[in-house]
Amino acid sequence: MNDNSALPDQVRVPGHDASFHFLAYPTNILVWMSDAEGSCIFVSPSWTTYTGREYSAELGQGWLDGVHVDDRKPLEDGLHEARRSRQEFRLIFRYLREDGAYRWLMGQGMPHLSPTGEWCGHLSLCFDVTPYQEGEAEMESSIQNVFPLLRQTRLIAVILDDRGHVLFSNGGLCRLLKIGGAGLAGSKLFEDHLAPNDQDLLERLYPGGTQSAQLPVEFQSELLSSDKQSMHVSWHSIVWRDYSGRVRGAMLIGEDITALHHEEQLSSLYIKAFEATDHAILVTDAKGRIISVNRAFENLTGYDAKEALGKNPSLLKSGRHDEEFYRELWATLKETGHWRGDIWDRRKDGGIYPEYLSISAIKNADGELTNYVGIAYDNSERKTVEERLDNLAHYDPLTGAPNRSLLLDRLEQAIERGIRIGTKVALLYIDLDHFKLVNDGYGHAAGDELLKAAVQRMKTCVRAIDTVARLGGDEFVVLVPDTHGMKDVSVVAEKLLEVLSPLYEIDGNRLSCTPSIGVSIYPDDAGSWKELMKNADVAMYQAKQAGRGNVKFFHGMAAQKSSDD
C-alpha cells in the first residue's frame, strides 16, 4: 500500500479513480474506505483533523483504536456481516475526538465495486450525531422556538452560552452598544463590554469563567458602548439546562434604564423638572407622607395629586408582597440610601400592575434625611414576555406538560424536602407501548392527539403536588413527592395503568397504547436524583420485557437479584 500521509491537494486512493478526491474536503463528513478484507485503505483529511492522529495510524485496523470499548465488538460484528453479505450498513458508535471526548458517530457504508463489477470493499461516510443521540438537539429546538418572540419585543433580548458568548440578539443590544451584529456575535457580553467600575458583577455571573448555576434572576449592569458611553441595563435571566441538568447558558431580557439611572442621580437637584419625564415620580417627606407627584404618576396610578398628597405610598399596595418583602425594602433603603427592583402595585380602580421602582433617600447638607423620591415605570410588557419565555423554557409545547428541565428542578426540591421532613419521593417512568405503530399507521397528527389525551388521563390520577412531565416522544415521568413508600406508590401506579390501558378514540379510530411503567423510590432505591431517574428507566424496560402493559418496581428487581445471588 502506498503512503498517503502527505495528503496532496488531490487525494488519490490506491487502486481507485482520482475523481474520488472530492470526498477529502467536506469538513463535517468523516470518510474511510476498506478493501475486500475489511482493512482501511483511506481516510479523509477531515478524519485526521477530527482524531488528531497521523494518517498512517488510521490505516489497516488502526482506525478502530478510537472506538469506545463498549461499542467495538458490536461495530466489528456489524462490519463483518456487511462484508460477508456485501450489503450497505448503518452503524452508530462512540469515537474518540482529538480533545479527548467521545462523540457519537453514525457510519453509513456503501459497497464499492470495480469498473468490472468486482467486490472491492466499503466506502463509509460518518456524521457526528451526538446532539441527537444524547437529547441535546431537543434543547436546541426549544431555543429556536423562542426566536420569533425575541425578535418582536422592543426589549433587549440576548442568548448566551455558558461562558458568556453571544449566540443570539434581537438587535436591541446592537443599538444599545452601537455595535453591528457581526461585531457582537461570539463576543463575551460582560467580559468585553462591562464598565470598569462594575467588574465585580463578572465574577458573580461567571466565577472561574463559567456561568454560575445560581445566576441572579434579576440584576443590573453598566455597559460601555462603542463610543464609551455608559449604558445601564436591568436584566431578567432564565437559565438553560440540557437533558442531564447541566447548565448550557442563559437567556437575558433587558430594559435600558440609562435614563432612569440618570434621573435617579439628579433627582435631588432637578426635582422641579420631574414633570417632563414619562416615568412616574412621587416625593415624600422624611416620615413617608406624599408631598408631590407628577402627571406620569397620575396617569399610571389613577390618583390625582389632590388624592395622593398627605397619604402614605402604602395606598398603592397590591397585596401580592408579604410584610417580609417590605421589611427588607426599608432595611436596604436605610442602609444604602437606595432600593431598586420589581414590585406589584394597585391602581385606584383596583387593577394590579407590575412596575420597576427606584427609591432614593435625599439628605440635606448636614446629612439629615429630608425626603424620599420614588421613580417608577410600568413594565407589564416585560413581565408578559418573561412569563411566555418561562413557559417555552419549562413546558412541552405539544401537551402543555412540564418538560425535562422543570421536572429536574421539581425533583431536586422534592428530594430536599423529603430529607427535611422524613418522607420519600417516587418516580414512575412511563412508555406507551407500540406508539410508533400509531404514528406509522395513522400519521403524526393522530399520534400527537393520543399523546395529549394520555397526559389528560394521567392528570386524573395524581394530586396537585404531583407532576406529570413529558421527556420526549412517548416517554413520560410522574413525580410523586411526600409519599411514605411502596404501598402508597402502588396505588398511583395501578391507577395510571387502569386509565392508560383503554383504547383511545382518535379521528374515528380506536387505538391501543398500553403503558409500561417502571417505579423507583428515593431513598430506598437511589441516593441521588440521577440514580432515581436511571433506576426508574431500568424498571420500565423490565416492564416491557415482561410483556408490556404492566408495572415493575426497581426495589423488587433489586430484591430478586439479591435472592438470586
Protein backbone atom coordinates (compact mmCIF):
# COMPACT_ATOMS: atom_id res chain seq x y z
CA MET A 1 0.00 0.00 0.00
CA ASN A 2 1.27 3.47 -0.87
CA ASP A 3 1.91 6.00 1.93
CA ASN A 4 -0.69 8.79 1.69
CA SER A 5 0.48 10.54 4.88
CA ALA A 6 1.46 13.66 2.97
CA LEU A 7 -2.11 14.01 1.60
CA PRO A 8 -1.56 16.10 -1.59
CA ASP A 9 -4.16 18.61 -2.73
CA GLN A 10 -5.82 16.00 -4.91
CA VAL A 11 -6.06 12.82 -2.80
CA ARG A 12 -5.55 9.60 -4.73
CA VAL A 13 -6.68 6.34 -3.19
CA PRO A 14 -4.62 3.28 -4.20
CA GLY A 15 -6.31 1.37 -6.93
CA HIS A 16 -9.15 3.86 -7.36
CA ASP A 17 -10.12 6.63 -9.74
CA ALA A 18 -8.64 10.04 -8.97
CA SER A 19 -12.11 11.62 -9.09
CA PHE A 20 -12.52 10.22 -5.57
CA HIS A 21 -10.59 13.26 -4.33
CA PHE A 22 -13.77 15.31 -3.75
CA LEU A 23 -14.56 13.20 -0.67
CA ALA A 24 -11.45 14.53 1.04
CA TYR A 25 -12.72 18.03 1.55
CA PRO A 26 -16.12 18.21 3.39
CA THR A 27 -15.16 19.11 6.97
CA ASN A 28 -18.39 17.86 8.54
CA ILE A 29 -18.19 14.38 6.96
CA LEU A 30 -15.60 11.79 8.01
CA VAL A 31 -14.76 9.31 5.23
CA TRP A 32 -12.98 5.95 5.30
CA MET A 33 -12.63 3.16 2.75
CA SER A 34 -11.87 -0.51 3.31
CA ASP A 35 -10.59 -3.18 0.95
CA ALA A 36 -12.26 -6.53 0.31
CA GLU A 37 -10.80 -7.99 3.54
CA GLY A 38 -12.07 -5.08 5.69
CA SER A 39 -8.72 -3.31 6.12
CA CYS A 40 -8.84 0.50 5.98
CA ILE A 41 -7.03 1.87 2.90
CA PHE A 42 -8.09 5.53 3.09
CA VAL A 43 -9.39 8.20 5.49
CA SER A 44 -10.23 11.81 4.58
CA PRO A 45 -8.34 14.83 5.93
CA SER A 46 -11.48 15.66 7.94
CA TRP A 47 -10.97 12.31 9.72
CA THR A 48 -7.40 13.03 10.83
CA THR A 49 -8.39 16.56 11.85
CA TYR A 50 -11.19 15.07 13.97
CA THR A 51 -8.96 12.45 15.66
CA GLY A 52 -5.71 14.46 15.79
CA ARG A 53 -3.75 11.37 14.66
CA GLU A 54 -1.38 10.75 11.80
CA TYR A 55 -2.88 9.50 8.54
CA SER A 56 -0.80 6.31 8.60
CA ALA A 57 -2.02 5.45 12.12
CA GLU A 58 -5.61 5.16 10.88
CA LEU A 59 -4.89 2.63 8.11
CA GLY A 60 -5.37 -1.11 8.40
CA GLN A 61 -7.21 -1.75 11.67
CA GLY A 62 -5.76 1.39 13.25
CA TRP A 63 -8.92 3.47 12.89
CA LEU A 64 -10.69 1.09 15.29
CA ASP A 65 -8.41 2.25 18.13
CA GLY A 66 -10.65 5.30 18.61
CA VAL A 67 -13.85 3.27 19.06
CA HIS A 68 -15.27 3.18 22.60
CA VAL A 69 -14.52 -0.17 24.27
CA ASP A 70 -18.25 -0.87 24.81
CA ASP A 71 -19.02 -0.29 21.13
CA ARG A 72 -16.08 -2.02 19.43
CA LYS A 73 -17.44 -5.59 19.33
CA PRO A 74 -20.93 -4.59 18.09
CA LEU A 75 -19.27 -2.40 15.45
CA GLU A 76 -16.88 -5.13 14.30
CA ASP A 77 -19.75 -7.66 14.17
CA GLY A 78 -21.81 -5.27 12.06
CA LEU A 79 -18.94 -4.59 9.67
CA HIS A 80 -18.21 -8.31 9.35
CA GLU A 81 -21.85 -9.05 8.47
CA ALA A 82 -21.93 -6.22 5.91
CA ARG A 83 -18.69 -7.51 4.36
CA ARG A 84 -19.97 -11.11 4.31
CA SER A 85 -23.28 -10.09 2.68
CA ARG A 86 -21.65 -7.33 0.61
CA GLN A 87 -24.52 -5.03 1.61
CA GLU A 88 -24.91 -1.48 2.83
CA PHE A 89 -24.67 -0.82 6.58
CA ARG A 90 -25.71 1.85 9.07
CA LEU A 91 -23.98 1.67 12.45
CA ILE A 92 -23.82 4.02 15.45
CA PHE A 93 -20.80 4.05 17.77
CA ARG A 94 -18.82 6.33 20.05
CA TYR A 95 -15.50 7.60 18.76
CA LEU A 96 -12.62 9.43 20.45
CA ARG A 97 -12.19 13.00 19.26
CA GLU A 98 -8.92 14.95 19.27
CA ASP A 99 -9.89 16.79 22.51
CA GLY A 100 -10.31 13.50 24.41
CA ALA A 101 -14.12 13.46 24.33
CA TYR A 102 -16.13 10.53 22.98
CA ARG A 103 -18.73 11.58 20.39
CA TRP A 104 -21.48 9.53 18.72
CA LEU A 105 -20.87 8.84 15.03
CA MET A 106 -23.28 7.35 12.54
CA GLY A 107 -21.47 5.42 9.81
CA GLN A 108 -23.31 4.82 6.55
CA GLY A 109 -21.48 2.32 4.37
CA MET A 110 -21.89 1.59 0.66
CA PRO A 111 -20.40 -1.33 -1.30
CA HIS A 112 -17.55 -0.23 -3.60
CA LEU A 113 -17.18 -2.11 -6.86
CA SER A 114 -14.52 -2.04 -9.53
CA PRO A 115 -15.40 -0.87 -13.09
CA THR A 116 -15.86 -4.55 -13.97
CA GLY A 117 -18.26 -5.12 -11.07
CA GLU A 118 -15.84 -6.92 -8.74
CA TRP A 119 -16.25 -6.51 -4.96
CA CYS A 120 -13.63 -4.06 -3.59
CA GLY A 121 -14.87 -3.25 -0.10
CA HIS A 122 -16.90 -0.49 1.54
CA LEU A 123 -16.97 3.30 1.39
CA SER A 124 -18.29 4.79 4.65
CA LEU A 125 -19.46 8.35 5.41
CA CYS A 126 -19.57 9.18 9.14
CA PHE A 127 -21.56 12.00 10.75
CA ASP A 128 -21.38 13.36 14.31
CA VAL A 129 -24.89 12.77 15.75
CA THR A 130 -24.08 13.37 19.43
CA PRO A 131 -26.76 16.09 19.93
CA TYR A 132 -29.49 13.75 18.69
CA GLN A 133 -28.17 10.66 20.49
CA GLU A 134 -27.92 12.44 23.86
CA GLY A 135 -31.04 14.61 23.60
CA GLU A 136 -29.30 18.00 23.28
CA ALA A 137 -30.94 18.63 19.92
CA GLU A 138 -34.29 18.83 21.71
CA MET A 139 -32.99 21.76 23.77
CA GLU A 140 -31.60 23.46 20.67
CA SER A 141 -35.05 23.07 19.10
CA SER A 142 -36.64 24.65 22.17
CA ILE A 143 -34.32 27.65 21.87
CA GLN A 144 -35.34 28.06 18.24
CA ASN A 145 -38.98 28.29 19.36
CA VAL A 146 -38.34 31.49 21.30
CA PHE A 147 -36.57 33.39 18.48
CA PRO A 148 -39.78 34.81 16.92
CA LEU A 149 -40.90 36.19 20.27
CA LEU A 150 -37.48 37.71 20.99
CA ARG A 151 -37.42 39.45 17.61
CA GLN A 152 -40.83 41.06 18.15
CA THR A 153 -40.27 42.67 21.55
CA ARG A 154 -38.84 46.16 21.93
CA LEU A 155 -36.87 44.88 24.92
CA ILE A 156 -33.22 43.80 24.70
CA ALA A 157 -33.12 40.02 24.25
CA VAL A 158 -29.87 38.01 24.27
CA ILE A 159 -28.98 34.31 24.43
CA LEU A 160 -25.53 33.50 25.87
CA ASP A 161 -23.64 30.22 26.14
CA ASP A 162 -22.24 29.03 29.47
CA ARG A 163 -19.11 31.18 29.07
CA GLY A 164 -21.00 34.34 28.19
CA HIS A 165 -20.60 34.33 24.40
CA VAL A 166 -23.43 35.98 22.47
CA LEU A 167 -25.30 33.31 20.48
CA PHE A 168 -28.29 35.48 19.56
CA SER A 169 -29.52 39.06 19.97
CA ASN A 170 -32.69 40.64 18.64
CA GLY A 171 -30.88 43.85 17.70
CA GLY A 172 -31.67 45.76 20.88
CA LEU A 173 -28.19 45.09 22.23
CA CYS A 174 -26.57 46.25 18.97
CA ARG A 175 -28.43 49.55 19.20
CA LEU A 176 -27.61 49.96 22.87
CA LEU A 177 -23.87 49.35 22.42
CA LYS A 178 -23.72 50.85 18.91
CA ILE A 179 -22.07 47.70 17.56
CA GLY A 180 -23.07 45.80 14.43
CA GLY A 181 -24.38 42.25 14.68
CA ALA A 182 -21.21 40.75 13.18
CA GLY A 183 -19.07 42.50 15.78
CA LEU A 184 -21.30 41.41 18.64
CA ALA A 185 -21.81 37.74 17.65
CA GLY A 186 -19.49 35.44 19.56
CA SER A 187 -18.19 38.19 21.85
CA LYS A 188 -18.31 37.79 25.63
CA LEU A 189 -21.01 40.29 26.57
CA PHE A 190 -19.98 41.08 30.14
CA GLU A 191 -16.26 40.40 29.86
CA ASP A 192 -15.88 42.60 26.76
CA HIS A 193 -18.37 45.40 27.47
CA LEU A 194 -18.75 45.75 31.24
CA ALA A 195 -17.77 49.16 32.66
CA PRO A 196 -14.59 49.12 34.79
CA ASN A 197 -16.44 50.10 37.98
CA ASP A 198 -18.85 47.17 37.54
CA GLN A 199 -16.29 44.35 37.21
CA ASP A 200 -17.42 42.66 40.43
CA LEU A 201 -20.54 41.62 38.54
CA LEU A 202 -18.45 39.50 36.15
CA GLU A 203 -17.24 37.28 38.98
CA ARG A 204 -20.81 36.91 40.28
CA LEU A 205 -22.10 35.81 36.90
CA TYR A 206 -19.11 33.76 35.66
CA PRO A 207 -16.94 32.59 38.57
CA GLY A 208 -13.87 30.96 37.09
CA GLY A 209 -15.04 31.89 33.59
CA THR A 210 -18.13 29.63 33.58
CA GLN A 211 -21.73 30.66 34.21
CA SER A 212 -22.91 30.33 37.80
CA ALA A 213 -25.62 27.69 38.32
CA GLN A 214 -27.26 30.22 40.68
CA LEU A 215 -27.40 33.03 38.14
CA PRO A 216 -29.28 36.01 39.66
CA VAL A 217 -32.83 36.15 38.35
CA GLU A 218 -32.72 39.97 38.48
CA PHE A 219 -29.59 42.12 38.24
CA GLN A 220 -28.30 45.35 36.74
CA SER A 221 -25.16 46.09 34.77
CA GLU A 222 -23.31 49.10 33.45
CA LEU A 223 -22.06 48.52 29.90
CA LEU A 224 -19.88 50.72 27.70
CA SER A 225 -21.00 51.43 24.14
CA SER A 226 -18.51 51.59 21.25
CA ASP A 227 -18.16 55.36 21.82
CA LYS A 228 -17.51 54.76 25.56
CA GLN A 229 -20.93 55.95 26.70
CA SER A 230 -22.17 54.41 29.96
CA MET A 231 -25.38 52.39 29.45
CA HIS A 232 -27.36 50.90 32.34
CA VAL A 233 -29.48 47.77 31.82
CA SER A 234 -31.85 45.95 34.16
CA TRP A 235 -31.75 42.21 33.33
CA HIS A 236 -34.05 39.26 33.94
CA SER A 237 -32.34 35.90 33.40
CA ILE A 238 -33.62 32.42 32.50
CA VAL A 239 -31.06 29.60 32.86
CA TRP A 240 -30.96 26.98 30.07
CA ARG A 241 -30.10 23.40 31.03
CA ASP A 242 -29.60 20.35 28.84
CA TYR A 243 -31.21 16.91 29.23
CA SER A 244 -28.90 15.98 32.14
CA GLY A 245 -29.45 19.18 34.11
CA ARG A 246 -26.10 20.70 33.08
CA VAL A 247 -26.09 24.48 32.64
CA ARG A 248 -25.77 25.32 28.95
CA GLY A 249 -26.26 29.10 29.05
CA ALA A 250 -28.83 31.78 29.74
CA MET A 251 -31.46 33.92 28.10
CA LEU A 252 -31.44 37.56 29.23
CA ILE A 253 -34.28 40.05 28.83
CA GLY A 254 -33.05 43.60 29.37
CA GLU A 255 -34.55 47.04 29.83
CA ASP A 256 -32.49 50.13 29.05
CA ILE A 257 -32.69 52.10 32.32
CA THR A 258 -29.93 54.54 31.47
CA ALA A 259 -32.34 57.47 31.52
CA LEU A 260 -33.87 56.25 34.77
CA HIS A 261 -30.41 55.89 36.30
CA HIS A 262 -29.51 59.43 35.36
CA GLU A 263 -32.82 60.71 36.72
CA GLU A 264 -32.16 58.90 39.96
CA GLN A 265 -28.75 60.57 40.32
CA LEU A 266 -30.05 64.04 39.52
CA SER A 267 -33.39 63.88 41.31
CA SER A 268 -32.16 65.85 44.34
CA LEU A 269 -31.00 68.73 42.09
CA TYR A 270 -33.75 68.76 39.47
CA ILE A 271 -36.87 67.84 41.41
CA LYS A 272 -38.76 70.75 39.77
CA ALA A 273 -38.15 69.33 36.30
CA PHE A 274 -39.72 65.96 37.08
CA GLU A 275 -42.94 66.78 35.20
CA ALA A 276 -41.12 66.38 31.88
CA THR A 277 -40.41 62.66 32.30
CA ASP A 278 -42.60 59.74 31.26
CA HIS A 279 -41.63 57.97 34.47
CA ALA A 280 -43.95 58.29 37.45
CA ILE A 281 -42.35 60.22 40.32
CA LEU A 282 -43.53 60.77 43.86
CA VAL A 283 -41.76 62.67 46.65
CA THR A 284 -42.40 62.11 50.35
CA ASP A 285 -41.19 63.85 53.47
CA ALA A 286 -38.94 62.12 55.95
CA LYS A 287 -41.96 60.47 57.60
CA GLY A 288 -43.19 58.98 54.31
CA ARG A 289 -46.09 61.37 53.62
CA ILE A 290 -46.52 62.17 49.91
CA ILE A 291 -45.77 65.85 49.23
CA SER A 292 -45.53 65.85 45.42
CA VAL A 293 -46.37 63.67 42.40
CA ASN A 294 -46.04 64.29 38.67
CA ARG A 295 -48.53 63.80 35.85
CA ALA A 296 -46.96 60.45 34.89
CA PHE A 297 -47.78 59.25 38.43
CA GLU A 298 -51.39 60.34 37.98
CA ASN A 299 -51.61 58.56 34.62
CA LEU A 300 -50.06 55.38 35.95
CA THR A 301 -51.95 55.06 39.24
CA GLY A 302 -55.26 56.84 38.53
CA TYR A 303 -54.84 59.00 41.63
CA ASP A 304 -54.69 62.75 41.00
CA ALA A 305 -52.37 64.95 43.06
CA LYS A 306 -55.08 66.06 45.49
CA GLU A 307 -55.99 62.47 46.32
CA ALA A 308 -52.38 61.44 46.83
CA LEU A 309 -50.95 64.38 48.81
CA GLY A 310 -50.63 63.72 52.52
CA LYS A 311 -51.14 59.96 52.04
CA ASN A 312 -48.59 57.21 52.53
CA PRO A 313 -47.37 55.32 49.42
CA SER A 314 -48.91 52.22 51.01
CA LEU A 315 -52.20 53.26 49.37
CA LEU A 316 -50.72 51.57 46.27
CA LYS A 317 -50.09 48.22 47.98
CA SER A 318 -51.28 45.33 45.80
CA GLY A 319 -51.37 42.65 48.49
CA ARG A 320 -49.00 40.44 46.44
CA HIS A 321 -46.00 41.06 48.72
CA ASP A 322 -45.75 39.91 52.33
CA GLU A 323 -44.51 42.00 55.22
CA GLU A 324 -41.05 40.45 54.98
CA PHE A 325 -40.68 41.95 51.48
CA TYR A 326 -41.34 45.46 52.78
CA ARG A 327 -39.10 44.98 55.83
CA GLU A 328 -36.20 44.06 53.55
CA LEU A 329 -37.00 47.00 51.24
CA TRP A 330 -36.81 49.52 54.09
CA ALA A 331 -33.75 47.88 55.62
CA THR A 332 -31.89 48.22 52.29
CA LEU A 333 -33.11 51.80 51.83
CA LYS A 334 -31.95 52.85 55.31
CA GLU A 335 -28.60 51.08 54.98
CA THR A 336 -27.63 52.20 51.46
CA GLY A 337 -29.94 55.11 50.68
CA HIS A 338 -31.36 53.30 47.63
CA TRP A 339 -33.70 50.44 46.73
CA ARG A 340 -34.40 49.23 43.21
CA GLY A 341 -36.46 46.33 41.91
CA ASP A 342 -39.70 44.97 40.52
CA ILE A 343 -42.86 45.46 42.55
CA TRP A 344 -46.61 44.96 42.10
CA ASP A 345 -48.87 47.95 42.85
CA ARG A 346 -52.60 48.64 42.72
CA ARG A 347 -54.29 51.43 40.74
CA LYS A 348 -57.20 53.47 42.04
CA ASP A 349 -59.63 51.31 40.04
CA GLY A 350 -58.29 48.16 41.73
CA GLY A 351 -56.22 46.93 38.80
CA ILE A 352 -52.89 45.36 39.75
CA TYR A 353 -49.84 46.07 37.59
CA PRO A 354 -46.07 45.36 37.68
CA GLU A 355 -43.60 48.23 37.76
CA TYR A 356 -39.90 48.83 38.10
CA LEU A 357 -39.36 51.12 41.12
CA SER A 358 -36.29 53.03 42.29
CA ILE A 359 -36.39 54.75 45.70
CA SER A 360 -33.69 57.18 46.85
CA ALA A 361 -33.22 58.83 50.22
CA ILE A 362 -32.48 62.59 49.98
CA LYS A 363 -30.37 64.28 52.66
CA ASN A 364 -29.52 67.92 53.30
CA ALA A 365 -26.09 69.46 53.64
CA ASP A 366 -25.92 68.32 57.26
CA GLY A 367 -26.60 64.70 56.31
CA GLU A 368 -30.12 64.73 57.70
CA LEU A 369 -32.84 62.78 55.89
CA THR A 370 -35.36 65.16 54.32
CA ASN A 371 -37.16 63.25 51.59
CA TYR A 372 -37.67 60.04 49.70
CA VAL A 373 -38.02 60.10 45.92
CA GLY A 374 -39.60 57.21 44.05
CA ILE A 375 -39.27 56.84 40.28
CA ALA A 376 -41.27 54.12 38.54
CA TYR A 377 -42.50 52.85 35.18
CA ASP A 378 -44.97 50.18 34.13
CA ASN A 379 -43.13 47.05 32.97
CA SER A 380 -46.17 44.95 32.05
CA GLU A 381 -44.72 44.10 28.62
CA ARG A 382 -41.53 42.76 30.15
CA LYS A 383 -43.45 40.61 32.64
CA THR A 384 -45.63 39.24 29.84
CA VAL A 385 -42.58 38.36 27.72
CA GLU A 386 -40.83 36.78 30.71
CA GLU A 387 -43.86 34.64 31.52
CA ARG A 388 -44.13 33.46 27.91
CA LEU A 389 -40.40 32.70 27.76
CA ASP A 390 -40.61 30.82 31.05
CA ASN A 391 -43.45 28.74 29.60
CA LEU A 392 -41.42 27.94 26.46
CA ALA A 393 -38.39 27.03 28.56
CA HIS A 394 -40.18 24.72 31.01
CA TYR A 395 -43.26 23.23 29.30
CA ASP A 396 -43.75 20.81 26.41
CA PRO A 397 -45.32 22.79 23.54
CA LEU A 398 -47.48 19.84 22.36
CA THR A 399 -49.07 18.59 25.59
CA GLY A 400 -48.53 21.54 27.92
CA ALA A 401 -46.95 19.19 30.47
CA PRO A 402 -43.73 20.17 32.30
CA ASN A 403 -40.62 19.26 30.30
CA ARG A 404 -37.37 17.63 31.45
CA SER A 405 -35.87 20.90 32.72
CA LEU A 406 -38.81 21.72 35.01
CA LEU A 407 -39.09 18.09 36.13
CA LEU A 408 -35.45 18.09 37.28
CA ASP A 409 -35.98 21.32 39.23
CA ARG A 410 -39.05 19.89 40.99
CA LEU A 411 -37.33 16.55 41.59
CA GLU A 412 -34.37 18.20 43.33
CA GLN A 413 -36.72 20.25 45.50
CA ALA A 414 -38.83 17.17 46.34
CA ILE A 415 -35.75 15.23 47.48
CA GLU A 416 -34.54 18.15 49.62
CA ARG A 417 -37.99 18.42 51.22
CA GLY A 418 -38.16 14.65 51.75
CA ILE A 419 -34.82 14.70 53.57
CA ARG A 420 -36.02 17.60 55.71
CA ILE A 421 -39.40 16.19 56.77
CA GLY A 422 -38.66 12.46 56.56
CA THR A 423 -40.79 11.45 53.55
CA LYS A 424 -39.97 9.60 50.34
CA VAL A 425 -40.05 10.56 46.65
CA ALA A 426 -41.28 8.24 43.89
CA LEU A 427 -40.67 8.38 40.14
CA LEU A 428 -42.91 6.47 37.72
CA TYR A 429 -41.29 6.20 34.28
CA ILE A 430 -43.96 5.56 31.61
CA ASP A 431 -43.53 4.47 28.00
CA LEU A 432 -46.54 3.99 25.69
CA ASP A 433 -46.30 0.54 24.10
CA HIS A 434 -46.24 0.37 20.29
CA PHE A 435 -46.74 4.12 19.93
CA LYS A 436 -44.62 4.04 16.76
CA LEU A 437 -47.30 1.92 15.13
CA VAL A 438 -49.80 4.73 15.68
CA ASN A 439 -47.53 7.27 14.00
CA ASP A 440 -46.71 4.93 11.14
CA GLY A 441 -50.26 3.69 10.60
CA TYR A 442 -52.40 6.78 11.29
CA GLY A 443 -49.99 9.71 10.92
CA HIS A 444 -48.19 12.03 13.30
CA ALA A 445 -51.29 14.18 13.83
CA ALA A 446 -53.10 11.17 15.31
CA GLY A 447 -50.03 10.38 17.40
CA ASP A 448 -49.98 13.94 18.74
CA GLU A 449 -53.65 13.73 19.73
CA LEU A 450 -53.02 10.44 21.51
CA LEU A 451 -50.11 11.96 23.50
CA LYS A 452 -52.29 14.89 24.59
CA ALA A 453 -55.08 12.53 25.60
CA ALA A 454 -52.61 10.37 27.58
CA VAL A 455 -51.45 13.40 29.57
CA GLN A 456 -55.03 14.32 30.43
CA ARG A 457 -55.70 10.76 31.59
CA MET A 458 -52.59 10.77 33.79
CA LYS A 459 -53.56 14.06 35.43
CA THR A 460 -56.76 12.45 36.72
CA CYS A 461 -54.68 10.00 38.80
CA VAL A 462 -52.38 12.40 40.65
CA ARG A 463 -52.53 15.02 43.38
CA ALA A 464 -51.98 18.75 42.93
CA ILE A 465 -48.42 18.44 44.30
CA ASP A 466 -47.52 15.64 41.85
CA THR A 467 -46.00 16.34 38.43
CA VAL A 468 -46.83 14.70 35.09
CA ALA A 469 -43.90 15.51 32.77
CA ARG A 470 -43.12 14.64 29.17
CA LEU A 471 -39.46 13.77 28.47
CA GLY A 472 -39.93 13.49 24.70
CA GLY A 473 -41.54 11.13 22.20
CA ASP A 474 -43.87 8.79 24.07
CA GLU A 475 -41.91 8.82 27.35
CA PHE A 476 -43.40 10.42 30.47
CA VAL A 477 -42.49 10.66 34.14
CA VAL A 478 -44.85 11.10 37.08
CA LEU A 479 -43.15 12.63 40.13
CA VAL A 480 -44.83 11.76 43.45
CA PRO A 481 -43.29 13.66 46.40
CA ASP A 482 -44.17 13.37 50.11
CA THR A 483 -45.03 9.68 49.94
CA HIS A 484 -44.46 7.00 52.58
CA GLY A 485 -43.30 4.11 50.43
CA MET A 486 -44.20 1.33 48.06
CA LYS A 487 -47.78 0.84 49.27
CA ASP A 488 -48.75 4.44 48.50
CA VAL A 489 -46.97 4.42 45.16
CA SER A 490 -48.56 1.10 44.14
CA VAL A 491 -51.97 2.77 44.31
CA VAL A 492 -50.82 5.54 41.95
CA ALA A 493 -49.16 3.06 39.57
CA GLU A 494 -52.29 0.89 39.36
CA LYS A 495 -54.47 3.95 38.70
CA LEU A 496 -52.16 5.01 35.87
CA LEU A 497 -52.23 1.51 34.42
CA GLU A 498 -56.01 1.48 34.63
CA VAL A 499 -56.61 4.85 32.91
CA LEU A 500 -53.94 4.46 30.22
CA SER A 501 -54.84 0.93 29.10
CA PRO A 502 -58.28 1.52 27.46
CA LEU A 503 -58.45 2.29 23.74
CA TYR A 504 -58.17 5.89 22.52
CA GLU A 505 -60.81 7.37 20.22
CA ILE A 506 -58.79 9.42 17.68
CA ASP A 507 -60.46 10.73 14.49
CA GLY A 508 -62.96 7.86 14.49
CA ASN A 509 -60.27 5.23 15.08
CA ARG A 510 -59.88 3.09 18.22
CA LEU A 511 -56.17 2.99 19.01
CA SER A 512 -54.35 0.92 21.60
CA CYS A 513 -51.31 2.17 23.55
CA THR A 514 -50.97 0.36 26.86
CA PRO A 515 -48.34 1.70 29.29
CA SER A 516 -45.18 0.06 30.57
CA ILE A 517 -44.41 1.61 33.96
CA GLY A 518 -41.17 1.46 35.95
CA VAL A 519 -41.01 2.74 39.53
CA SER A 520 -38.11 3.76 41.77
CA ILE A 521 -38.29 5.36 45.22
CA TYR A 522 -35.91 7.71 46.99
CA PRO A 523 -34.07 6.88 49.22
CA ASP A 524 -34.96 3.15 49.07
CA ASP A 525 -33.65 2.64 45.52
CA ALA A 526 -31.29 5.56 44.93
CA GLY A 527 -29.05 8.08 46.64
CA SER A 528 -29.45 10.90 44.11
CA TRP A 529 -31.96 12.23 41.58
CA LYS A 530 -29.82 10.99 38.68
CA GLU A 531 -29.76 7.46 40.07
CA LEU A 532 -33.50 7.66 40.78
CA MET A 533 -34.21 8.56 37.13
CA LYS A 534 -31.90 5.83 35.86
CA ASN A 535 -33.44 3.12 38.06
CA ALA A 536 -37.00 4.06 37.11
CA ASP A 537 -35.96 3.80 33.45
CA VAL A 538 -34.42 0.36 34.10
CA ALA A 539 -37.61 -0.80 35.79
CA MET A 540 -39.67 0.47 32.85
CA TYR A 541 -37.64 -1.63 30.40
CA GLN A 542 -38.16 -4.63 32.68
CA ALA A 543 -41.90 -3.98 32.42
CA LYS A 544 -41.62 -4.05 28.63
CA GLN A 545 -39.61 -7.27 28.68
CA ALA A 546 -42.25 -8.82 30.95
CA GLY A 547 -44.88 -8.42 28.24
CA ARG A 548 -45.71 -4.70 28.28
CA GLY A 549 -48.84 -3.17 29.82
CA ASN A 550 -47.65 -3.72 33.41
CA VAL A 551 -45.77 -2.18 36.35
CA LYS A 552 -42.32 -3.09 37.66
CA PHE A 553 -40.71 -1.72 40.84
CA PHE A 554 -36.94 -1.32 40.84
CA HIS A 555 -36.95 -2.26 44.53
CA GLY A 556 -38.50 -5.59 43.69
CA MET A 557 -35.96 -6.19 40.92
CA ALA A 558 -33.11 -5.43 43.33
CA ALA A 559 -34.59 -7.78 45.92
CA GLN A 560 -34.98 -10.52 43.30
CA LYS A 561 -31.36 -10.06 42.18
CA SER A 562 -30.19 -10.32 45.81
CA SER A 563 -32.25 -13.50 46.26
CA ASP A 564 -30.83 -15.00 43.07
CA ASP A 565 -27.30 -14.24 44.25
